[in-house]
Protein backbone atom coordinates (compact mmCIF):
# COMPACT_ATOMS: atom_id res chain seq x y z
CA UNK A 1 12.77 36.90 45.04
CA UNK A 2 9.63 36.82 42.97
CA UNK A 3 7.94 33.58 42.10
CA UNK A 4 4.92 32.81 39.90
CA UNK A 5 2.69 30.07 41.10
CA UNK A 6 0.79 28.79 38.00
CA UNK A 7 -2.45 26.82 38.42
CA UNK A 8 -3.25 24.00 36.01
CA UNK A 9 -6.81 22.97 37.03
CA UNK A 10 -7.60 19.39 35.92
CA UNK A 11 -10.38 19.22 33.38
CA UNK A 12 -10.22 22.92 32.51
CA UNK A 13 -9.03 22.13 29.04
CA UNK A 14 -12.56 20.99 28.30
CA UNK A 15 -14.42 23.83 30.05
CA UNK A 16 -17.09 25.65 28.08
CA UNK A 17 -17.17 29.37 27.74
CA UNK A 18 -18.54 31.07 30.88
CA UNK A 19 -17.40 28.26 33.24
CA UNK A 20 -16.44 29.50 36.71
CA UNK A 21 -15.60 27.82 39.90
CA UNK A 22 -18.48 27.08 42.38
CA UNK A 23 -19.08 29.18 45.42
CA UNK A 24 -17.35 26.78 47.80
CA UNK A 25 -14.17 26.61 45.71
CA UNK A 26 -14.26 30.42 45.37
CA UNK A 27 -14.58 30.88 49.16
CA UNK A 28 -11.68 28.53 49.84
CA UNK A 29 -9.51 30.34 47.26
CA UNK A 30 -10.51 33.76 48.65
CA UNK A 31 -9.34 32.71 52.13
CA UNK A 32 -6.00 31.63 50.73
CA UNK A 33 -5.57 34.83 48.75
CA UNK A 34 -6.30 36.80 51.90
CA UNK A 35 -3.60 34.90 53.74
CA UNK A 36 -1.07 35.78 50.98
CA UNK A 37 -2.18 39.44 51.19
CA UNK A 38 -2.06 39.57 54.97
CA UNK A 39 1.53 38.10 54.96
CA UNK A 40 2.59 40.83 52.57
CA UNK A 41 3.87 38.46 49.87
CA UNK A 42 1.15 38.87 47.16
CA UNK A 43 2.04 41.04 44.30
CA UNK A 44 -0.64 40.01 41.76
CA UNK A 45 -3.12 37.23 40.97
CA UNK A 46 -5.66 36.49 38.28
CA UNK A 47 -7.80 33.69 37.15
CA UNK A 48 -8.34 33.07 33.46
CA UNK A 49 -11.34 32.26 31.33
CA UNK A 50 -11.30 28.70 29.86
CA UNK A 51 -9.13 28.01 26.83
CA UNK A 52 -12.24 27.53 24.77
CA UNK A 53 -12.52 31.38 24.70
CA UNK A 54 -8.81 31.96 23.96
CA UNK A 55 -6.56 31.87 21.01
CA UNK A 56 -3.01 30.76 20.34
CA UNK A 57 -0.58 32.55 18.05
CA UNK A 58 2.21 30.34 16.60
CA UNK A 59 5.14 31.36 14.50
CA UNK A 60 6.80 29.59 11.63
CA UNK A 61 8.91 30.88 8.78
CA UNK A 62 8.59 34.50 9.97
CA UNK A 63 4.77 34.31 9.90
CA UNK A 64 2.24 34.18 12.65
CA UNK A 65 -0.90 32.03 12.70
CA UNK A 66 -3.87 32.44 15.02
CA UNK A 67 -5.74 29.41 16.15
CA UNK A 68 -8.95 29.88 18.26
CA UNK A 69 -9.69 27.58 21.18
CA UNK A 70 -10.65 25.02 22.22
CA UNK A 71 -7.40 23.24 21.70
CA UNK A 72 -8.05 19.58 21.29
CA UNK A 73 -4.46 18.44 21.87
CA UNK A 74 -4.18 20.23 25.20
CA UNK A 75 -3.63 18.06 28.27
CA UNK A 76 -2.88 20.76 30.79
CA UNK A 77 -3.97 24.37 30.55
CA UNK A 78 -3.35 27.42 32.61
CA UNK A 79 -6.21 28.41 34.84
CA UNK A 80 -4.71 31.33 36.75
CA UNK A 81 -1.57 32.55 38.61
CA UNK A 82 -0.25 34.26 41.71
CA UNK A 83 2.86 36.50 41.67
CA UNK A 84 4.50 36.46 45.11
CA UNK A 85 7.61 37.99 46.56
CA UNK A 86 9.29 35.79 49.21
CA UNK A 87 12.73 35.20 50.60
CA UNK A 88 13.45 31.75 49.23
CA UNK A 89 12.29 28.99 46.92
CA UNK A 90 11.38 27.00 50.01
CA UNK A 91 9.02 29.74 51.12
CA UNK A 92 7.50 29.86 47.75
CA UNK A 93 6.90 26.14 47.85
CA UNK A 94 5.39 26.39 51.26
CA UNK A 95 2.83 28.93 49.98
CA UNK A 96 2.09 26.79 46.97
CA UNK A 97 1.53 23.75 49.19
CA UNK A 98 -1.26 25.69 50.96
CA UNK A 99 -3.37 26.35 47.81
CA UNK A 100 -6.83 24.72 48.20
CA UNK A 101 -6.48 22.70 44.95
CA UNK A 102 -8.62 19.71 43.88
CA UNK A 103 -7.17 16.23 43.44
CA UNK A 104 -6.78 16.80 39.69
CA UNK A 105 -5.13 20.25 40.02
CA UNK A 106 -1.37 21.03 39.75
CA UNK A 107 0.59 24.21 40.58
CA UNK A 108 3.89 24.93 39.00
CA UNK A 109 6.30 27.25 40.91
CA UNK A 110 8.82 29.18 38.93
CA UNK A 111 11.20 31.98 39.93
CA UNK A 112 10.85 35.22 37.94
CA UNK A 113 14.08 36.40 36.26
CA UNK A 114 15.52 39.46 37.87
CA UNK A 115 17.96 41.89 36.33
CA UNK A 116 20.81 40.42 38.45
CA UNK A 117 20.18 36.98 36.81
CA UNK A 118 21.56 38.40 33.52
CA UNK A 119 25.28 38.70 32.59
CA UNK A 120 26.86 42.08 33.45
CA UNK A 121 26.77 43.36 29.75
CA UNK A 122 22.98 42.71 29.53
CA UNK A 123 22.43 44.36 32.94
CA UNK A 124 24.35 47.43 31.76
CA UNK A 125 22.45 47.70 28.45
CA UNK A 126 19.05 47.34 30.15
CA UNK A 127 20.00 49.87 33.00
CA UNK A 128 21.04 52.27 30.19
CA UNK A 129 17.77 51.80 28.38
CA UNK A 130 15.80 52.37 31.55
CA UNK A 131 17.71 55.48 32.29
CA UNK A 132 16.92 56.78 28.77
CA UNK A 133 13.27 56.00 29.29
CA UNK A 134 13.08 53.54 26.33
CA UNK A 135 12.57 50.46 28.50
CA UNK A 136 10.81 49.76 31.79
CA UNK A 137 11.61 46.96 34.20
CA UNK A 138 9.16 45.28 36.48
CA UNK A 139 9.67 45.36 40.25
CA UNK A 140 13.13 44.07 41.12
């Protein structure tokens, strides 16, 4: 099963462009990331620049609207993620509990939808499109 562990660093919603973690925090996170890699469960990971450098695209009435950051109404913002492959939700939560987060940080753990999570008719259609080369699925 694949799980995404999503980091919401406290205070990051107000971070200025160019803000990065300090050396001590980076070293702790690097050690954690190496543990994930060594255990063979890490599929991907990335940190994100502050939301002040981002943009949001919203949709209303069939039209899209782009709003540049920072986002004054934001209370929690995404700071980065890990994609892991483990045997159970419990194992994913165990890995998440080891993250060297600060007192103000939060990590959300969510299972990634797999082809087998969809109804048979949807599975069949997606498998057909993959076979035709018109669609590509992520690792299953």
